[in-house]
Amino acid sequence: MKKILYIDMDGVIVDFDAGVQALTKEEKEKYKGKYPQCPNIFSKMPPMPGALVAVEKLFELFDVYILSSPSWGNDTAWSDKYNWVIKYLPYMERRLILSSQKHLNIGDYIIDDRLHNGVSQFQGEHIHFGTEKFSNWNSVMNYLEAQV
């Protein structure tokens, strides 16, 4: 039986900063400090380097789900995130979970770049993406492949 692994989207498999850079000057000014609330921002985000290959490999080793918090106050965030998964990871379509209560999901691992939205209370192991230990997808893959 495969271990359960959850993977966050923004800042982990999706390059949030590149989405901000893709905004118009007017959008940047209007939503400064609250970019997640900008309509359609999530549709402008490319994958993080190495993320697509890593997710595909992890899908073979683990029972993988994408677990992302929707941006409250931005009704396009929900559909943008779904459409992003369909575009880049179509085999994960029915494995997308949108929740701001990540600790309610039961699993062995969660890859997330933040401690918010229940991540700090997750009962499994938090692989803190973007930290010194897990600075990129290569370090995450080295660690998780050794856990199988």
N, C-alpha and C. Protein backbone atom coordinates (compact mmCIF):
# COMPACT_ATOMS: atom_id res chain seq x y z
N MET A 1 0.84 -1.18 0.00
CA MET A 1 0.00 0.00 0.00
C MET A 1 0.89 1.25 0.00
N LYS A 2 0.60 2.16 -0.92
CA LYS A 2 1.42 3.37 -1.04
C LYS A 2 1.09 4.37 0.07
N LYS A 3 2.11 5.11 0.50
CA LYS A 3 1.92 6.18 1.46
C LYS A 3 1.24 7.36 0.77
N ILE A 4 0.47 8.12 1.54
CA ILE A 4 -0.26 9.26 1.01
C ILE A 4 0.59 10.52 1.08
N LEU A 5 0.66 11.22 -0.04
CA LEU A 5 1.45 12.44 -0.17
C LEU A 5 0.57 13.55 -0.74
N TYR A 6 0.57 14.69 -0.05
CA TYR A 6 -0.13 15.89 -0.53
C TYR A 6 0.91 16.90 -0.99
N ILE A 7 0.60 17.59 -2.10
CA ILE A 7 1.51 18.59 -2.63
C ILE A 7 0.74 19.90 -2.83
N ASP A 8 1.26 20.96 -2.25
CA ASP A 8 0.69 22.29 -2.42
C ASP A 8 0.96 22.79 -3.84
N MET A 9 0.18 23.78 -4.26
CA MET A 9 0.38 24.35 -5.59
C MET A 9 1.28 25.59 -5.55
N ASP A 10 0.77 26.69 -5.01
CA ASP A 10 1.44 27.99 -5.11
C ASP A 10 2.78 28.00 -4.38
N GLY A 11 3.84 28.26 -5.14
CA GLY A 11 5.18 28.30 -4.57
C GLY A 11 5.83 26.93 -4.44
N VAL A 12 5.11 25.88 -4.86
CA VAL A 12 5.66 24.52 -4.79
C VAL A 12 5.68 23.88 -6.18
N ILE A 13 4.52 23.68 -6.78
CA ILE A 13 4.50 23.20 -8.17
C ILE A 13 4.16 24.31 -9.15
N VAL A 14 3.65 25.42 -8.63
CA VAL A 14 3.27 26.56 -9.46
C VAL A 14 4.11 27.77 -9.05
N ASP A 15 4.66 28.46 -10.03
CA ASP A 15 5.52 29.62 -9.77
C ASP A 15 4.66 30.87 -9.56
N PHE A 16 4.31 31.12 -8.31
CA PHE A 16 3.45 32.25 -7.95
C PHE A 16 4.11 33.58 -8.35
N ASP A 17 5.40 33.72 -8.08
CA ASP A 17 6.10 34.98 -8.38
C ASP A 17 6.05 35.31 -9.87
N ALA A 18 6.15 34.29 -10.72
CA ALA A 18 6.06 34.52 -12.16
C ALA A 18 4.66 35.00 -12.54
N GLY A 19 3.65 34.52 -11.84
CA GLY A 19 2.28 34.99 -12.07
C GLY A 19 2.13 36.46 -11.72
N VAL A 20 2.76 36.88 -10.64
CA VAL A 20 2.73 38.29 -10.25
C VAL A 20 3.42 39.13 -11.33
N GLN A 21 4.55 38.64 -11.81
CA GLN A 21 5.29 39.39 -12.85
C GLN A 21 4.49 39.49 -14.14
N ALA A 22 3.58 38.56 -14.39
CA ALA A 22 2.76 38.57 -15.61
C ALA A 22 1.58 39.53 -15.53
N LEU A 23 1.33 40.08 -14.35
CA LEU A 23 0.23 41.04 -14.21
C LEU A 23 0.55 42.35 -14.94
N THR A 24 -0.49 43.05 -15.33
CA THR A 24 -0.29 44.36 -15.93
C THR A 24 0.16 45.34 -14.85
N LYS A 25 0.69 46.46 -15.27
CA LYS A 25 1.10 47.50 -14.32
C LYS A 25 -0.08 47.94 -13.46
N GLU A 26 -1.22 48.07 -14.08
CA GLU A 26 -2.43 48.49 -13.36
C GLU A 26 -2.85 47.46 -12.32
N GLU A 27 -2.79 46.18 -12.69
CA GLU A 27 -3.15 45.11 -11.75
C GLU A 27 -2.17 45.07 -10.57
N LYS A 28 -0.89 45.25 -10.86
CA LYS A 28 0.12 45.26 -9.79
C LYS A 28 -0.15 46.39 -8.81
N GLU A 29 -0.50 47.55 -9.31
CA GLU A 29 -0.79 48.68 -8.43
C GLU A 29 -2.06 48.44 -7.62
N LYS A 30 -3.11 47.98 -8.28
CA LYS A 30 -4.40 47.78 -7.63
C LYS A 30 -4.35 46.70 -6.55
N TYR A 31 -3.59 45.62 -6.79
CA TYR A 31 -3.58 44.48 -5.88
C TYR A 31 -2.28 44.35 -5.08
N LYS A 32 -1.49 45.40 -5.05
CA LYS A 32 -0.23 45.36 -4.30
C LYS A 32 -0.50 44.92 -2.85
N GLY A 33 0.26 43.91 -2.41
CA GLY A 33 0.09 43.39 -1.06
C GLY A 33 -1.04 42.38 -0.93
N LYS A 34 -1.81 42.20 -1.99
CA LYS A 34 -2.91 41.22 -1.98
C LYS A 34 -3.07 40.58 -3.36
N TYR A 35 -1.94 40.20 -3.94
CA TYR A 35 -1.94 39.62 -5.28
C TYR A 35 -2.85 38.40 -5.44
N PRO A 36 -2.97 37.51 -4.43
CA PRO A 36 -3.85 36.35 -4.61
C PRO A 36 -5.31 36.73 -4.91
N GLN A 37 -5.69 37.94 -4.64
CA GLN A 37 -7.07 38.35 -4.90
C GLN A 37 -7.27 38.93 -6.30
N CYS A 38 -6.21 39.04 -7.06
CA CYS A 38 -6.31 39.55 -8.43
C CYS A 38 -6.97 38.49 -9.32
N PRO A 39 -8.08 38.84 -9.97
CA PRO A 39 -8.74 37.86 -10.84
C PRO A 39 -7.80 37.29 -11.89
N ASN A 40 -7.88 36.01 -12.07
CA ASN A 40 -7.13 35.25 -13.08
C ASN A 40 -5.62 35.19 -12.86
N ILE A 41 -5.12 35.63 -11.72
CA ILE A 41 -3.67 35.56 -11.50
C ILE A 41 -3.17 34.12 -11.55
N PHE A 42 -3.97 33.19 -11.05
CA PHE A 42 -3.51 31.80 -11.01
C PHE A 42 -3.41 31.17 -12.39
N SER A 43 -4.11 31.74 -13.37
CA SER A 43 -4.02 31.23 -14.74
C SER A 43 -2.74 31.68 -15.43
N LYS A 44 -2.01 32.62 -14.84
CA LYS A 44 -0.81 33.18 -15.44
C LYS A 44 0.48 32.52 -14.94
N MET A 45 0.35 31.53 -14.09
CA MET A 45 1.52 30.97 -13.42
C MET A 45 2.05 29.73 -14.13
N PRO A 46 3.34 29.73 -14.46
CA PRO A 46 3.95 28.54 -15.04
C PRO A 46 4.36 27.56 -13.93
N PRO A 47 4.71 26.34 -14.32
CA PRO A 47 5.20 25.38 -13.32
C PRO A 47 6.55 25.82 -12.75
N MET A 48 6.81 25.42 -11.51
CA MET A 48 8.13 25.62 -10.91
C MET A 48 9.13 24.71 -11.62
N PRO A 49 10.40 25.12 -11.69
CA PRO A 49 11.41 24.28 -12.32
C PRO A 49 11.47 22.89 -11.67
N GLY A 50 11.37 21.87 -12.49
CA GLY A 50 11.47 20.49 -12.03
C GLY A 50 10.19 19.92 -11.45
N ALA A 51 9.17 20.73 -11.27
CA ALA A 51 7.96 20.27 -10.58
C ALA A 51 7.19 19.21 -11.35
N LEU A 52 6.99 19.39 -12.63
CA LEU A 52 6.15 18.45 -13.38
C LEU A 52 6.77 17.06 -13.44
N VAL A 53 8.06 17.00 -13.67
CA VAL A 53 8.76 15.71 -13.70
C VAL A 53 8.71 15.07 -12.32
N ALA A 54 8.93 15.87 -11.29
CA ALA A 54 8.92 15.34 -9.91
C ALA A 54 7.55 14.78 -9.54
N VAL A 55 6.49 15.51 -9.85
CA VAL A 55 5.14 15.04 -9.51
C VAL A 55 4.85 13.73 -10.24
N GLU A 56 5.25 13.64 -11.48
CA GLU A 56 5.03 12.41 -12.24
C GLU A 56 5.74 11.22 -11.59
N LYS A 57 6.99 11.42 -11.18
CA LYS A 57 7.74 10.35 -10.51
C LYS A 57 7.12 10.00 -9.16
N LEU A 58 6.72 11.02 -8.42
CA LEU A 58 6.10 10.78 -7.11
C LEU A 58 4.78 10.05 -7.24
N PHE A 59 4.06 10.30 -8.32
CA PHE A 59 2.78 9.64 -8.58
C PHE A 59 2.97 8.12 -8.69
N GLU A 60 4.12 7.70 -9.17
CA GLU A 60 4.42 6.27 -9.28
C GLU A 60 4.74 5.66 -7.91
N LEU A 61 5.30 6.46 -7.01
CA LEU A 61 5.78 5.95 -5.73
C LEU A 61 4.80 6.12 -4.58
N PHE A 62 3.92 7.11 -4.67
CA PHE A 62 3.01 7.46 -3.58
C PHE A 62 1.58 7.60 -4.09
N ASP A 63 0.66 7.64 -3.17
CA ASP A 63 -0.73 7.97 -3.46
C ASP A 63 -0.80 9.49 -3.35
N VAL A 64 -0.68 10.21 -4.48
CA VAL A 64 -0.46 11.65 -4.51
C VAL A 64 -1.76 12.42 -4.75
N TYR A 65 -1.88 13.52 -4.00
CA TYR A 65 -2.99 14.47 -4.17
C TYR A 65 -2.41 15.88 -4.17
N ILE A 66 -3.02 16.75 -4.95
CA ILE A 66 -2.67 18.17 -4.89
C ILE A 66 -3.62 18.79 -3.86
N LEU A 67 -3.04 19.45 -2.87
CA LEU A 67 -3.82 20.06 -1.79
C LEU A 67 -3.46 21.53 -1.73
N SER A 68 -4.37 22.36 -2.21
CA SER A 68 -4.11 23.79 -2.32
C SER A 68 -5.21 24.59 -1.64
N SER A 69 -4.82 25.70 -1.05
CA SER A 69 -5.80 26.61 -0.45
C SER A 69 -6.29 27.58 -1.52
N PRO A 70 -7.60 27.71 -1.66
CA PRO A 70 -8.10 28.70 -2.61
C PRO A 70 -7.91 30.09 -2.03
N SER A 71 -7.87 31.05 -2.89
CA SER A 71 -7.75 32.42 -2.43
C SER A 71 -9.15 32.98 -2.20
N TRP A 72 -9.48 33.21 -0.94
CA TRP A 72 -10.78 33.77 -0.61
C TRP A 72 -10.84 35.19 -1.11
N GLY A 73 -11.95 35.57 -1.68
CA GLY A 73 -12.09 36.90 -2.24
C GLY A 73 -11.71 36.96 -3.71
N ASN A 74 -11.38 35.82 -4.29
CA ASN A 74 -11.04 35.74 -5.71
C ASN A 74 -11.76 34.53 -6.29
N ASP A 75 -12.93 34.76 -6.85
CA ASP A 75 -13.72 33.63 -7.33
C ASP A 75 -13.11 32.92 -8.53
N THR A 76 -12.14 33.53 -9.22
CA THR A 76 -11.49 32.83 -10.34
C THR A 76 -10.41 31.87 -9.86
N ALA A 77 -9.98 32.01 -8.61
CA ALA A 77 -8.90 31.15 -8.09
C ALA A 77 -9.28 29.68 -8.19
N TRP A 78 -10.51 29.37 -7.87
CA TRP A 78 -10.97 27.97 -7.88
C TRP A 78 -10.86 27.37 -9.27
N SER A 79 -11.43 28.04 -10.26
CA SER A 79 -11.40 27.50 -11.62
C SER A 79 -10.00 27.59 -12.23
N ASP A 80 -9.25 28.65 -11.90
CA ASP A 80 -7.88 28.76 -12.41
C ASP A 80 -7.02 27.60 -11.93
N LYS A 81 -7.14 27.25 -10.67
CA LYS A 81 -6.34 26.15 -10.14
C LYS A 81 -6.73 24.82 -10.80
N TYR A 82 -8.02 24.60 -10.95
CA TYR A 82 -8.49 23.39 -11.63
C TYR A 82 -7.97 23.35 -13.07
N ASN A 83 -8.11 24.46 -13.79
CA ASN A 83 -7.65 24.50 -15.19
C ASN A 83 -6.15 24.36 -15.31
N TRP A 84 -5.41 24.86 -14.31
CA TRP A 84 -3.95 24.68 -14.31
C TRP A 84 -3.61 23.20 -14.22
N VAL A 85 -4.27 22.50 -13.34
CA VAL A 85 -4.02 21.06 -13.19
C VAL A 85 -4.36 20.33 -14.49
N ILE A 86 -5.48 20.66 -15.11
CA ILE A 86 -5.87 20.02 -16.37
C ILE A 86 -4.81 20.28 -17.45
N LYS A 87 -4.29 21.49 -17.49
CA LYS A 87 -3.30 21.85 -18.51
C LYS A 87 -1.96 21.15 -18.31
N TYR A 88 -1.45 21.15 -17.06
CA TYR A 88 -0.10 20.66 -16.82
C TYR A 88 -0.02 19.25 -16.23
N LEU A 89 -1.03 18.84 -15.48
CA LEU A 89 -1.02 17.52 -14.83
C LEU A 89 -2.39 16.85 -14.99
N PRO A 90 -2.82 16.59 -16.22
CA PRO A 90 -4.18 16.11 -16.44
C PRO A 90 -4.52 14.81 -15.72
N TYR A 91 -3.55 13.96 -15.48
CA TYR A 91 -3.80 12.72 -14.76
C TYR A 91 -4.13 12.96 -13.27
N MET A 92 -3.94 14.20 -12.80
CA MET A 92 -4.24 14.56 -11.42
C MET A 92 -5.60 15.24 -11.27
N GLU A 93 -6.39 15.30 -12.33
CA GLU A 93 -7.66 16.03 -12.30
C GLU A 93 -8.53 15.66 -11.10
N ARG A 94 -8.71 14.42 -10.84
CA ARG A 94 -9.58 13.98 -9.74
C ARG A 94 -8.82 13.82 -8.43
N ARG A 95 -7.63 14.36 -8.41
CA ARG A 95 -6.80 14.31 -7.20
C ARG A 95 -6.48 15.71 -6.70
N LEU A 96 -7.28 16.68 -7.12
CA LEU A 96 -7.14 18.06 -6.68
C LEU A 96 -8.10 18.32 -5.52
N ILE A 97 -7.54 18.76 -4.40
CA ILE A 97 -8.34 19.11 -3.22
C ILE A 97 -8.08 20.58 -2.91
N LEU A 98 -9.13 21.38 -2.87
CA LEU A 98 -9.01 22.79 -2.49
C LEU A 98 -9.59 22.95 -1.10
N SER A 99 -8.72 23.33 -0.16
CA SER A 99 -9.13 23.46 1.23
C SER A 99 -8.20 24.40 1.97
N SER A 100 -8.74 25.18 2.85
CA SER A 100 -7.91 26.02 3.72
C SER A 100 -7.74 25.37 5.09
N GLN A 101 -8.13 24.12 5.20
CA GLN A 101 -7.99 23.33 6.43
C GLN A 101 -7.19 22.06 6.12
N LYS A 102 -5.93 22.24 5.76
CA LYS A 102 -5.12 21.12 5.29
C LYS A 102 -4.90 20.05 6.35
N HIS A 103 -4.97 20.42 7.60
CA HIS A 103 -4.75 19.45 8.69
C HIS A 103 -5.88 18.42 8.77
N LEU A 104 -6.99 18.64 8.12
CA LEU A 104 -8.09 17.68 8.14
C LEU A 104 -7.84 16.50 7.20
N ASN A 105 -6.86 16.63 6.33
CA ASN A 105 -6.51 15.54 5.43
C ASN A 105 -5.56 14.58 6.14
N ILE A 106 -5.80 13.32 5.97
CA ILE A 106 -4.99 12.28 6.61
C ILE A 106 -3.97 11.79 5.60
N GLY A 107 -2.71 11.79 6.00
CA GLY A 107 -1.67 11.33 5.10
C GLY A 107 -0.34 11.23 5.78
N ASP A 108 0.64 10.79 5.02
CA ASP A 108 1.99 10.57 5.55
C ASP A 108 2.88 11.80 5.38
N TYR A 109 2.72 12.50 4.25
CA TYR A 109 3.58 13.64 3.94
C TYR A 109 2.76 14.76 3.32
N ILE A 110 3.24 15.99 3.54
CA ILE A 110 2.71 17.15 2.84
C ILE A 110 3.91 18.01 2.43
N ILE A 111 3.95 18.37 1.16
CA ILE A 111 4.97 19.28 0.65
C ILE A 111 4.31 20.64 0.54
N ASP A 112 4.79 21.60 1.31
CA ASP A 112 4.19 22.93 1.33
C ASP A 112 5.27 23.93 1.66
N ASP A 113 5.16 25.13 1.11
CA ASP A 113 6.15 26.17 1.36
C ASP A 113 5.79 27.05 2.55
N ARG A 114 4.64 26.79 3.16
CA ARG A 114 4.19 27.62 4.28
C ARG A 114 3.66 26.74 5.41
N LEU A 115 3.41 27.37 6.55
CA LEU A 115 2.84 26.68 7.71
C LEU A 115 1.37 27.02 7.91
N HIS A 116 0.82 27.86 7.04
CA HIS A 116 -0.55 28.35 7.18
C HIS A 116 -1.58 27.32 6.72
N ASN A 117 -2.84 27.66 6.95
CA ASN A 117 -3.98 26.85 6.48
C ASN A 117 -3.93 25.41 6.98
N GLY A 118 -3.50 25.24 8.21
CA GLY A 118 -3.50 23.92 8.83
C GLY A 118 -2.25 23.09 8.62
N VAL A 119 -1.30 23.57 7.84
CA VAL A 119 -0.09 22.78 7.58
C VAL A 119 0.67 22.51 8.88
N SER A 120 0.75 23.49 9.77
CA SER A 120 1.48 23.31 11.03
C SER A 120 0.82 22.27 11.93
N GLN A 121 -0.44 21.93 11.68
CA GLN A 121 -1.14 20.93 12.49
C GLN A 121 -1.31 19.60 11.75
N PHE A 122 -0.76 19.50 10.55
CA PHE A 122 -0.86 18.27 9.77
C PHE A 122 -0.23 17.13 10.56
N GLN A 123 -0.90 15.99 10.61
CA GLN A 123 -0.44 14.88 11.44
C GLN A 123 0.73 14.09 10.84
N GLY A 124 0.94 14.20 9.54
CA GLY A 124 2.07 13.53 8.92
C GLY A 124 3.30 14.43 8.94
N GLU A 125 4.26 14.13 8.08
CA GLU A 125 5.50 14.91 8.02
C GLU A 125 5.39 16.05 7.03
N HIS A 126 5.77 17.23 7.48
CA HIS A 126 5.78 18.41 6.61
C HIS A 126 7.14 18.53 5.95
N ILE A 127 7.15 18.46 4.65
CA ILE A 127 8.36 18.71 3.87
C ILE A 127 8.25 20.18 3.47
N HIS A 128 9.04 21.00 4.15
CA HIS A 128 8.91 22.46 4.03
C HIS A 128 9.68 22.95 2.81
N PHE A 129 8.99 23.02 1.68
CA PHE A 129 9.59 23.41 0.41
C PHE A 129 10.12 24.83 0.48
N GLY A 130 11.30 25.04 -0.10
CA GLY A 130 11.91 26.37 -0.13
C GLY A 130 12.80 26.67 1.06
N THR A 131 12.93 25.72 1.98
CA THR A 131 13.83 25.89 3.12
C THR A 131 15.20 25.35 2.75
N GLU A 132 16.15 25.53 3.63
CA GLU A 132 17.51 25.06 3.34
C GLU A 132 17.54 23.56 3.06
N LYS A 133 16.81 22.78 3.85
CA LYS A 133 16.80 21.32 3.67
C LYS A 133 16.10 20.90 2.39
N PHE A 134 15.03 21.60 2.03
CA PHE A 134 14.24 21.26 0.84
C PHE A 134 14.14 22.48 -0.07
N SER A 135 15.28 22.90 -0.57
CA SER A 135 15.35 24.16 -1.33
C SER A 135 14.78 24.06 -2.74
N ASN A 136 14.71 22.85 -3.29
CA ASN A 136 14.22 22.68 -4.65
C ASN A 136 13.68 21.26 -4.82
N TRP A 137 13.20 20.97 -6.02
CA TRP A 137 12.62 19.65 -6.25
C TRP A 137 13.64 18.52 -6.19
N ASN A 138 14.90 18.78 -6.53
CA ASN A 138 15.92 17.73 -6.43
C ASN A 138 16.08 17.26 -4.98
N SER A 139 16.16 18.20 -4.05
CA SER A 139 16.32 17.82 -2.64
C SER A 139 15.09 17.11 -2.11
N VAL A 140 13.91 17.53 -2.55
CA VAL A 140 12.67 16.85 -2.13
C VAL A 140 12.65 15.43 -2.67
N MET A 141 13.00 15.26 -3.93
CA MET A 141 12.98 13.93 -4.54
C MET A 141 14.01 13.01 -3.89
N ASN A 142 15.20 13.51 -3.62
CA ASN A 142 16.21 12.68 -2.95
C ASN A 142 15.69 12.16 -1.61
N TYR A 143 15.04 13.03 -0.87
CA TYR A 143 14.50 12.65 0.44
C TYR A 143 13.36 11.64 0.30
N LEU A 144 12.38 11.94 -0.53
CA LEU A 144 11.20 11.08 -0.62
C LEU A 144 11.50 9.73 -1.28
N GLU A 145 12.39 9.71 -2.23
CA GLU A 145 12.74 8.41 -2.85
C GLU A 145 13.40 7.50 -1.82
N ALA A 146 14.09 8.07 -0.85
CA ALA A 146 14.72 7.25 0.19
C ALA A 146 13.69 6.75 1.22
N GLN A 147 12.48 7.30 1.22
CA GLN A 147 11.45 6.91 2.17
C GLN A 147 10.63 5.71 1.69
N VAL A 148 10.76 5.36 0.41
CA VAL A 148 9.94 4.28 -0.16
C VAL A 148 10.56 2.94 0.12
